[in-house]
């Protein structure tokens, strides 16, 4: 995994779209996490956290974006894609990313308790996996962390 040093314009552009989706989720009372899946410079899948509104514990932003893209492409494999997500993925989402064959994950804020990409181990570097995922962390991390803190502060 690499920590984001110089801000790549394309990474910033797509992460801003993911942040916009996170705001949509927050407006519905969902934890503000958004995700977009990109292939060849175009967004092919979008999602935001929806477990409360969909009554579905698996409806994380990453899952929603990957499902959207798979339907769009009529394929359960999503090679040569990049997933942009505003919060470090959990174990469920990391497993899905591998099964979908997503090539790269770019995340904003670290998730110190449940993030398995960097914070609680490096899931994608496990030797038993049959697919390698490249990771970039910290893209627009402050904006994402601020949104999450504001959301939880308002709920208290």
N, C-alpha and C. Protein backbone atom coordinates (compact mmCIF):
# COMPACT_ATOMS: atom_id res chain seq x y z
N UNK A 1 0.83 -1.18 0.00
CA UNK A 1 0.00 0.00 0.00
C UNK A 1 0.87 1.23 0.00
N UNK A 2 0.41 2.25 -0.68
CA UNK A 2 1.14 3.51 -0.66
C UNK A 2 0.27 4.59 -0.03
N UNK A 3 0.86 5.39 0.80
CA UNK A 3 0.17 6.57 1.31
C UNK A 3 0.23 7.63 0.23
N UNK A 4 -0.83 8.36 0.09
CA UNK A 4 -0.90 9.33 -1.00
C UNK A 4 0.01 10.51 -0.70
N UNK A 5 0.91 10.77 -1.59
CA UNK A 5 1.84 11.89 -1.40
C UNK A 5 1.39 13.07 -2.25
N UNK A 6 1.69 13.06 -3.53
CA UNK A 6 1.23 14.13 -4.41
C UNK A 6 -0.16 13.79 -4.89
N UNK A 7 -1.07 14.74 -4.87
CA UNK A 7 -2.46 14.48 -5.22
C UNK A 7 -2.61 14.32 -6.72
N UNK A 8 -2.97 13.14 -7.17
CA UNK A 8 -3.22 12.85 -8.57
C UNK A 8 -4.57 13.46 -8.94
N UNK A 9 -4.62 14.20 -10.05
CA UNK A 9 -5.84 14.92 -10.44
C UNK A 9 -7.00 13.96 -10.67
N UNK A 10 -6.74 12.84 -11.30
CA UNK A 10 -7.83 11.88 -11.56
C UNK A 10 -8.32 11.25 -10.26
N UNK A 11 -7.40 10.90 -9.37
CA UNK A 11 -7.81 10.34 -8.08
C UNK A 11 -8.65 11.34 -7.30
N UNK A 12 -8.25 12.60 -7.33
CA UNK A 12 -9.00 13.63 -6.62
C UNK A 12 -10.39 13.80 -7.23
N UNK A 13 -10.48 13.82 -8.54
CA UNK A 13 -11.76 13.99 -9.23
C UNK A 13 -12.75 12.89 -8.84
N UNK A 14 -12.31 11.65 -8.91
CA UNK A 14 -13.21 10.55 -8.61
C UNK A 14 -13.50 10.43 -7.12
N UNK A 15 -12.55 10.80 -6.27
CA UNK A 15 -12.82 10.78 -4.83
C UNK A 15 -13.84 11.86 -4.48
N UNK A 16 -13.80 12.98 -5.16
CA UNK A 16 -14.81 14.03 -4.90
C UNK A 16 -16.21 13.52 -5.25
N UNK A 17 -16.32 12.72 -6.30
CA UNK A 17 -17.62 12.12 -6.64
C UNK A 17 -18.05 11.15 -5.55
N UNK A 18 -17.11 10.37 -5.03
CA UNK A 18 -17.43 9.45 -3.92
C UNK A 18 -17.87 10.24 -2.69
N UNK A 19 -17.23 11.36 -2.41
CA UNK A 19 -17.63 12.21 -1.27
C UNK A 19 -19.04 12.76 -1.48
N UNK A 20 -19.36 13.12 -2.71
CA UNK A 20 -20.72 13.61 -3.03
C UNK A 20 -21.75 12.51 -2.75
N UNK A 21 -21.43 11.29 -3.11
CA UNK A 21 -22.33 10.17 -2.83
C UNK A 21 -22.45 9.93 -1.32
N UNK A 22 -21.36 10.09 -0.59
CA UNK A 22 -21.40 9.96 0.87
C UNK A 22 -22.37 10.97 1.47
N UNK A 23 -22.36 12.18 0.94
CA UNK A 23 -23.29 13.22 1.40
C UNK A 23 -24.74 12.80 1.16
N UNK A 24 -24.99 12.15 0.03
CA UNK A 24 -26.35 11.68 -0.27
C UNK A 24 -26.80 10.65 0.77
N UNK A 25 -25.88 9.76 1.11
CA UNK A 25 -26.20 8.77 2.14
C UNK A 25 -26.47 9.41 3.48
N UNK A 26 -25.65 10.38 3.86
CA UNK A 26 -25.83 11.07 5.13
C UNK A 26 -27.19 11.76 5.19
N UNK A 27 -27.63 12.32 4.08
CA UNK A 27 -28.93 12.99 4.02
C UNK A 27 -30.07 12.02 4.30
N UNK A 28 -29.82 10.73 4.08
CA UNK A 28 -30.83 9.70 4.34
C UNK A 28 -30.65 9.05 5.71
N UNK A 29 -29.68 9.56 6.49
CA UNK A 29 -29.43 9.02 7.82
C UNK A 29 -28.46 7.86 7.83
N UNK A 30 -27.81 7.60 6.72
CA UNK A 30 -26.82 6.52 6.62
C UNK A 30 -25.44 7.06 6.99
N UNK A 31 -24.56 6.20 7.48
CA UNK A 31 -23.18 6.60 7.74
C UNK A 31 -22.59 7.07 6.40
N UNK A 32 -22.00 8.27 6.36
CA UNK A 32 -21.58 8.87 5.09
C UNK A 32 -20.32 8.23 4.49
N UNK A 33 -20.54 7.18 3.72
CA UNK A 33 -19.48 6.54 2.95
C UNK A 33 -19.99 6.42 1.53
N UNK A 34 -19.17 6.86 0.58
CA UNK A 34 -19.54 6.78 -0.84
C UNK A 34 -18.45 6.10 -1.62
N UNK A 35 -18.83 5.54 -2.78
CA UNK A 35 -17.87 4.84 -3.62
C UNK A 35 -18.25 4.95 -5.09
N UNK A 36 -17.23 5.01 -5.93
CA UNK A 36 -17.42 4.92 -7.37
C UNK A 36 -16.43 3.91 -7.93
N UNK A 37 -16.85 3.20 -8.96
CA UNK A 37 -15.97 2.27 -9.65
C UNK A 37 -15.72 2.83 -11.04
N UNK A 38 -14.44 2.89 -11.41
CA UNK A 38 -14.03 3.56 -12.64
C UNK A 38 -13.30 2.58 -13.54
N UNK A 39 -13.61 2.67 -14.83
CA UNK A 39 -12.90 1.89 -15.85
C UNK A 39 -12.64 2.80 -17.04
N UNK A 40 -11.40 2.83 -17.50
CA UNK A 40 -11.01 3.66 -18.66
C UNK A 40 -11.44 5.12 -18.50
N UNK A 41 -11.30 5.65 -17.29
CA UNK A 41 -11.59 7.05 -17.04
C UNK A 41 -13.06 7.41 -16.92
N UNK A 42 -13.94 6.42 -16.89
CA UNK A 42 -15.38 6.68 -16.77
C UNK A 42 -15.95 5.93 -15.58
N UNK A 43 -16.90 6.56 -14.89
CA UNK A 43 -17.57 5.92 -13.77
C UNK A 43 -18.56 4.90 -14.31
N UNK A 44 -18.41 3.65 -13.85
CA UNK A 44 -19.32 2.59 -14.29
C UNK A 44 -20.19 2.07 -13.16
N UNK A 45 -19.90 2.51 -11.94
CA UNK A 45 -20.70 2.10 -10.79
C UNK A 45 -20.64 3.13 -9.69
N UNK A 46 -21.78 3.34 -9.03
CA UNK A 46 -21.87 4.31 -7.94
C UNK A 46 -22.59 3.67 -6.76
N UNK A 47 -22.23 4.10 -5.56
CA UNK A 47 -22.94 3.61 -4.39
C UNK A 47 -22.63 4.41 -3.15
N UNK A 48 -23.54 4.34 -2.19
CA UNK A 48 -23.29 4.91 -0.87
C UNK A 48 -23.88 3.95 0.15
N UNK A 49 -23.44 4.06 1.38
CA UNK A 49 -23.93 3.18 2.44
C UNK A 49 -25.45 3.22 2.47
N UNK A 50 -26.07 2.05 2.49
CA UNK A 50 -27.53 1.96 2.49
C UNK A 50 -28.07 0.83 3.35
N UNK A 51 -27.34 0.31 4.33
CA UNK A 51 -27.87 -0.83 5.08
C UNK A 51 -29.16 -0.52 5.84
N UNK A 52 -29.31 0.69 6.33
CA UNK A 52 -30.51 1.05 7.10
C UNK A 52 -31.70 1.16 6.16
N UNK A 53 -31.57 1.95 5.10
CA UNK A 53 -32.70 2.19 4.21
C UNK A 53 -33.08 0.97 3.38
N UNK A 54 -32.12 0.10 3.07
CA UNK A 54 -32.41 -1.10 2.29
C UNK A 54 -32.65 -2.34 3.15
N UNK A 55 -32.51 -2.19 4.49
CA UNK A 55 -32.66 -3.32 5.40
C UNK A 55 -31.73 -4.47 4.97
N UNK A 56 -30.48 -4.09 4.68
CA UNK A 56 -29.52 -5.04 4.13
C UNK A 56 -28.15 -4.77 4.74
N UNK A 57 -27.68 -5.61 5.65
CA UNK A 57 -26.40 -5.36 6.29
C UNK A 57 -25.22 -5.37 5.33
N UNK A 58 -25.39 -5.92 4.13
CA UNK A 58 -24.30 -5.94 3.16
C UNK A 58 -24.28 -4.72 2.25
N UNK A 59 -25.19 -3.80 2.43
CA UNK A 59 -25.32 -2.66 1.51
C UNK A 59 -24.33 -1.54 1.81
N UNK A 60 -23.05 -1.90 1.91
CA UNK A 60 -21.99 -0.90 2.07
C UNK A 60 -21.78 -0.19 0.74
N UNK A 61 -21.16 0.97 0.78
CA UNK A 61 -20.93 1.77 -0.42
C UNK A 61 -20.18 0.98 -1.49
N UNK A 62 -19.15 0.25 -1.08
CA UNK A 62 -18.35 -0.52 -2.04
C UNK A 62 -19.20 -1.59 -2.72
N UNK A 63 -20.01 -2.28 -1.93
CA UNK A 63 -20.89 -3.32 -2.47
C UNK A 63 -21.86 -2.72 -3.48
N UNK A 64 -22.44 -1.60 -3.12
CA UNK A 64 -23.41 -0.95 -4.01
C UNK A 64 -22.76 -0.53 -5.33
N UNK A 65 -21.57 0.04 -5.26
CA UNK A 65 -20.87 0.48 -6.47
C UNK A 65 -20.48 -0.71 -7.35
N UNK A 66 -20.00 -1.79 -6.72
CA UNK A 66 -19.60 -2.97 -7.48
C UNK A 66 -20.82 -3.64 -8.10
N UNK A 67 -21.91 -3.73 -7.37
CA UNK A 67 -23.15 -4.30 -7.94
C UNK A 67 -23.62 -3.46 -9.13
N UNK A 68 -23.59 -2.15 -8.98
CA UNK A 68 -24.02 -1.25 -10.06
C UNK A 68 -23.16 -1.46 -11.31
N UNK A 69 -21.85 -1.55 -11.12
CA UNK A 69 -20.93 -1.74 -12.25
C UNK A 69 -21.12 -3.10 -12.91
N UNK A 70 -21.29 -4.15 -12.10
CA UNK A 70 -21.49 -5.49 -12.65
C UNK A 70 -22.75 -5.55 -13.50
N UNK A 71 -23.81 -4.90 -13.05
CA UNK A 71 -25.03 -4.84 -13.85
C UNK A 71 -24.80 -4.05 -15.14
N UNK A 72 -24.08 -2.95 -15.01
CA UNK A 72 -23.78 -2.10 -16.17
C UNK A 72 -22.99 -2.86 -17.23
N UNK A 73 -22.00 -3.64 -16.79
CA UNK A 73 -21.14 -4.38 -17.71
C UNK A 73 -21.65 -5.78 -18.04
N UNK A 74 -22.69 -6.22 -17.35
CA UNK A 74 -23.21 -7.59 -17.51
C UNK A 74 -22.10 -8.61 -17.27
N UNK A 75 -21.35 -8.39 -16.18
CA UNK A 75 -20.24 -9.27 -15.86
C UNK A 75 -19.97 -9.22 -14.36
N UNK A 76 -19.72 -10.37 -13.77
CA UNK A 76 -19.39 -10.41 -12.34
C UNK A 76 -17.91 -10.17 -12.09
N UNK A 77 -17.12 -10.13 -13.11
CA UNK A 77 -15.70 -9.80 -13.01
C UNK A 77 -15.50 -8.37 -13.52
N UNK A 78 -14.71 -7.61 -12.78
CA UNK A 78 -14.50 -6.20 -13.10
C UNK A 78 -13.02 -5.87 -13.20
N UNK A 79 -12.31 -6.55 -14.11
CA UNK A 79 -10.86 -6.30 -14.22
C UNK A 79 -10.58 -4.90 -14.76
N UNK A 80 -9.38 -4.44 -14.53
CA UNK A 80 -8.96 -3.13 -15.02
C UNK A 80 -9.85 -2.00 -14.52
N UNK A 81 -10.32 -2.13 -13.27
CA UNK A 81 -11.13 -1.07 -12.67
C UNK A 81 -10.46 -0.55 -11.41
N UNK A 82 -10.86 0.65 -11.02
CA UNK A 82 -10.39 1.26 -9.78
C UNK A 82 -11.61 1.65 -8.95
N UNK A 83 -11.59 1.24 -7.69
CA UNK A 83 -12.65 1.60 -6.76
C UNK A 83 -12.18 2.75 -5.89
N UNK A 84 -12.93 3.83 -5.90
CA UNK A 84 -12.67 4.99 -5.04
C UNK A 84 -13.71 4.95 -3.93
N UNK A 85 -13.25 4.95 -2.67
CA UNK A 85 -14.16 4.88 -1.54
C UNK A 85 -13.67 5.82 -0.45
N UNK A 86 -14.62 6.45 0.23
CA UNK A 86 -14.28 7.52 1.17
C UNK A 86 -13.78 7.00 2.52
N UNK A 87 -13.90 5.69 2.76
CA UNK A 87 -13.43 5.10 4.01
C UNK A 87 -12.77 3.76 3.71
N UNK A 88 -11.70 3.48 4.40
CA UNK A 88 -10.98 2.22 4.22
C UNK A 88 -11.95 1.03 4.31
N UNK A 89 -11.88 0.12 3.36
CA UNK A 89 -12.82 -1.01 3.34
C UNK A 89 -12.70 -1.97 4.53
N UNK A 90 -13.83 -2.58 4.87
CA UNK A 90 -13.91 -3.60 5.91
C UNK A 90 -13.60 -4.96 5.28
N UNK A 91 -13.63 -6.00 6.12
CA UNK A 91 -13.31 -7.34 5.63
C UNK A 91 -14.31 -7.85 4.59
N UNK A 92 -15.59 -7.58 4.76
CA UNK A 92 -16.60 -8.01 3.79
C UNK A 92 -16.33 -7.37 2.43
N UNK A 93 -16.10 -6.08 2.44
CA UNK A 93 -15.88 -5.36 1.18
C UNK A 93 -14.55 -5.75 0.54
N UNK A 94 -13.53 -5.97 1.35
CA UNK A 94 -12.24 -6.40 0.81
C UNK A 94 -12.37 -7.74 0.10
N UNK A 95 -13.12 -8.67 0.68
CA UNK A 95 -13.35 -9.95 0.04
C UNK A 95 -14.06 -9.80 -1.30
N UNK A 96 -15.08 -8.94 -1.32
CA UNK A 96 -15.81 -8.69 -2.56
C UNK A 96 -14.90 -8.09 -3.63
N UNK A 97 -14.05 -7.16 -3.23
CA UNK A 97 -13.12 -6.53 -4.17
C UNK A 97 -12.23 -7.57 -4.84
N UNK A 98 -11.76 -8.54 -4.07
CA UNK A 98 -10.93 -9.61 -4.63
C UNK A 98 -11.77 -10.47 -5.57
N UNK A 99 -12.95 -10.89 -5.15
CA UNK A 99 -13.79 -11.76 -5.98
C UNK A 99 -14.21 -11.08 -7.28
N UNK A 100 -14.40 -9.77 -7.25
CA UNK A 100 -14.78 -9.03 -8.46
C UNK A 100 -13.58 -8.73 -9.35
N UNK A 101 -12.37 -8.97 -8.84
CA UNK A 101 -11.13 -8.73 -9.58
C UNK A 101 -10.88 -7.25 -9.86
N UNK A 102 -11.28 -6.40 -8.91
CA UNK A 102 -10.96 -4.97 -9.01
C UNK A 102 -9.44 -4.83 -8.93
N UNK A 103 -8.87 -4.02 -9.81
CA UNK A 103 -7.41 -3.91 -9.90
C UNK A 103 -6.82 -3.01 -8.81
N UNK A 104 -7.55 -1.95 -8.45
CA UNK A 104 -6.97 -0.93 -7.56
C UNK A 104 -8.05 -0.37 -6.66
N UNK A 105 -7.68 -0.09 -5.42
CA UNK A 105 -8.56 0.59 -4.47
C UNK A 105 -7.87 1.87 -4.03
N UNK A 106 -8.62 2.96 -4.08
CA UNK A 106 -8.16 4.25 -3.58
C UNK A 106 -9.14 4.64 -2.48
N UNK A 107 -8.63 4.81 -1.26
CA UNK A 107 -9.53 5.20 -0.18
C UNK A 107 -9.08 6.52 0.43
N UNK A 108 -10.03 7.19 1.08
CA UNK A 108 -9.76 8.48 1.70
C UNK A 108 -9.29 8.27 3.14
N UNK A 109 -10.22 8.18 4.07
CA UNK A 109 -9.90 8.10 5.49
C UNK A 109 -9.62 6.66 5.94
N UNK A 110 -8.69 6.53 6.87
CA UNK A 110 -8.45 5.23 7.49
C UNK A 110 -9.60 4.91 8.45
N UNK A 111 -9.88 3.63 8.63
CA UNK A 111 -10.88 3.16 9.58
C UNK A 111 -10.14 2.33 10.62
N UNK A 112 -9.72 2.98 11.73
CA UNK A 112 -8.83 2.31 12.67
C UNK A 112 -9.40 1.05 13.33
N UNK A 113 -10.71 0.94 13.44
CA UNK A 113 -11.29 -0.23 14.10
C UNK A 113 -11.59 -1.38 13.15
N UNK A 114 -12.10 -1.08 11.97
CA UNK A 114 -12.58 -2.16 11.10
C UNK A 114 -11.93 -2.18 9.72
N UNK A 115 -11.05 -1.24 9.43
CA UNK A 115 -10.40 -1.22 8.12
C UNK A 115 -9.37 -2.31 8.01
N UNK A 116 -9.45 -3.13 6.96
CA UNK A 116 -8.52 -4.25 6.82
C UNK A 116 -7.54 -4.08 5.67
N UNK A 117 -7.51 -2.90 5.09
CA UNK A 117 -6.58 -2.65 3.99
C UNK A 117 -5.24 -2.15 4.54
N UNK A 118 -5.29 -1.40 5.64
CA UNK A 118 -4.06 -0.85 6.23
C UNK A 118 -4.13 -0.83 7.76
N UNK A 119 -5.27 -0.46 8.31
CA UNK A 119 -5.36 -0.22 9.75
C UNK A 119 -5.31 -1.48 10.60
N UNK A 120 -6.03 -2.50 10.22
CA UNK A 120 -6.08 -3.75 10.98
C UNK A 120 -5.50 -4.90 10.16
N UNK A 121 -4.37 -4.65 9.58
CA UNK A 121 -3.73 -5.64 8.73
C UNK A 121 -3.81 -5.25 7.27
N UNK A 122 -3.18 -6.01 6.46
CA UNK A 122 -3.14 -5.74 5.03
C UNK A 122 -3.75 -6.93 4.29
N UNK A 123 -5.07 -6.97 4.24
CA UNK A 123 -5.78 -8.10 3.66
C UNK A 123 -5.31 -8.41 2.24
N UNK A 124 -5.14 -7.39 1.42
CA UNK A 124 -4.82 -7.62 0.02
C UNK A 124 -3.43 -8.23 -0.21
N UNK A 125 -2.59 -8.27 0.82
CA UNK A 125 -1.26 -8.87 0.65
C UNK A 125 -1.20 -10.28 1.20
N UNK A 126 -2.34 -10.86 1.54
CA UNK A 126 -2.35 -12.22 2.08
C UNK A 126 -1.97 -13.23 0.98
N UNK A 127 -1.10 -14.18 1.30
CA UNK A 127 -0.60 -15.11 0.29
C UNK A 127 -1.65 -16.07 -0.27
N UNK A 128 -2.76 -16.28 0.45
CA UNK A 128 -3.78 -17.21 -0.03
C UNK A 128 -4.68 -16.62 -1.10
N UNK A 129 -4.61 -15.33 -1.33
CA UNK A 129 -5.48 -14.70 -2.33
C UNK A 129 -5.00 -15.02 -3.74
N UNK A 130 -5.96 -15.19 -4.64
CA UNK A 130 -5.63 -15.48 -6.03
C UNK A 130 -5.71 -14.25 -6.93
N UNK A 131 -5.78 -13.07 -6.32
CA UNK A 131 -5.85 -11.82 -7.08
C UNK A 131 -5.14 -10.73 -6.28
N UNK A 132 -4.31 -9.95 -6.94
CA UNK A 132 -3.60 -8.84 -6.30
C UNK A 132 -4.35 -7.54 -6.54
N UNK A 133 -4.47 -6.75 -5.48
CA UNK A 133 -5.12 -5.44 -5.56
C UNK A 133 -4.12 -4.39 -5.13
N UNK A 134 -3.95 -3.38 -5.95
CA UNK A 134 -3.10 -2.25 -5.58
C UNK A 134 -3.92 -1.28 -4.74
N UNK A 135 -3.26 -0.62 -3.79
CA UNK A 135 -3.97 0.26 -2.86
C UNK A 135 -3.26 1.59 -2.74
N UNK A 136 -4.05 2.65 -2.73
CA UNK A 136 -3.57 3.99 -2.42
C UNK A 136 -4.49 4.53 -1.33
N UNK A 137 -3.93 4.98 -0.23
CA UNK A 137 -4.73 5.51 0.87
C UNK A 137 -4.47 6.98 1.10
N UNK A 138 -5.44 7.64 1.70
CA UNK A 138 -5.27 9.02 2.12
C UNK A 138 -5.68 10.09 1.14
N UNK A 139 -6.34 9.72 0.04
CA UNK A 139 -6.77 10.72 -0.95
C UNK A 139 -7.99 11.47 -0.41
N UNK A 140 -7.84 12.75 -0.18
CA UNK A 140 -8.89 13.61 0.40
C UNK A 140 -9.36 13.08 1.76
N UNK A 141 -8.42 12.54 2.52
CA UNK A 141 -8.72 11.95 3.82
C UNK A 141 -9.36 12.95 4.78
N UNK A 142 -8.87 14.17 4.80
CA UNK A 142 -9.40 15.16 5.73
C UNK A 142 -10.87 15.46 5.47
N UNK A 143 -11.24 15.60 4.20
CA UNK A 143 -12.63 15.88 3.85
C UNK A 143 -13.54 14.74 4.29
N UNK A 144 -13.10 13.51 4.07
CA UNK A 144 -13.90 12.35 4.46
C UNK A 144 -14.00 12.25 5.98
N UNK A 145 -12.89 12.39 6.67
CA UNK A 145 -12.89 12.30 8.13
C UNK A 145 -13.77 13.39 8.75
N UNK A 146 -13.71 14.59 8.18
CA UNK A 146 -14.54 15.69 8.68
C UNK A 146 -16.03 15.35 8.53
N UNK A 147 -16.40 14.81 7.38
CA UNK A 147 -17.80 14.45 7.13
C UNK A 147 -18.26 13.39 8.13
N UNK A 148 -17.44 12.39 8.36
CA UNK A 148 -17.79 11.33 9.30
C UNK A 148 -17.91 11.86 10.73
N UNK A 149 -16.95 12.69 11.14
CA UNK A 149 -17.00 13.25 12.50
C UNK A 149 -18.23 14.11 12.69
N UNK A 150 -18.56 14.94 11.70
CA UNK A 150 -19.74 15.80 11.79
C UNK A 150 -21.02 14.96 11.87
N UNK A 151 -21.08 13.91 11.10
CA UNK A 151 -22.26 13.02 11.11
C UNK A 151 -22.46 12.42 12.50
N UNK A 152 -21.39 11.85 13.07
CA UNK A 152 -21.53 11.19 14.37
C UNK A 152 -21.74 12.20 15.49
N UNK A 153 -21.16 13.39 15.37
CA UNK A 153 -21.38 14.43 16.37
C UNK A 153 -22.85 14.85 16.39
N UNK A 154 -23.45 14.98 15.22
CA UNK A 154 -24.85 15.37 15.11
C UNK A 154 -25.78 14.29 15.67
N UNK A 155 -25.36 13.05 15.63
CA UNK A 155 -26.20 11.95 16.13
C UNK A 155 -26.15 11.81 17.63
N UNK A 156 -25.14 12.40 18.27
CA UNK A 156 -25.02 12.28 19.73
C UNK A 156 -25.97 13.17 20.46
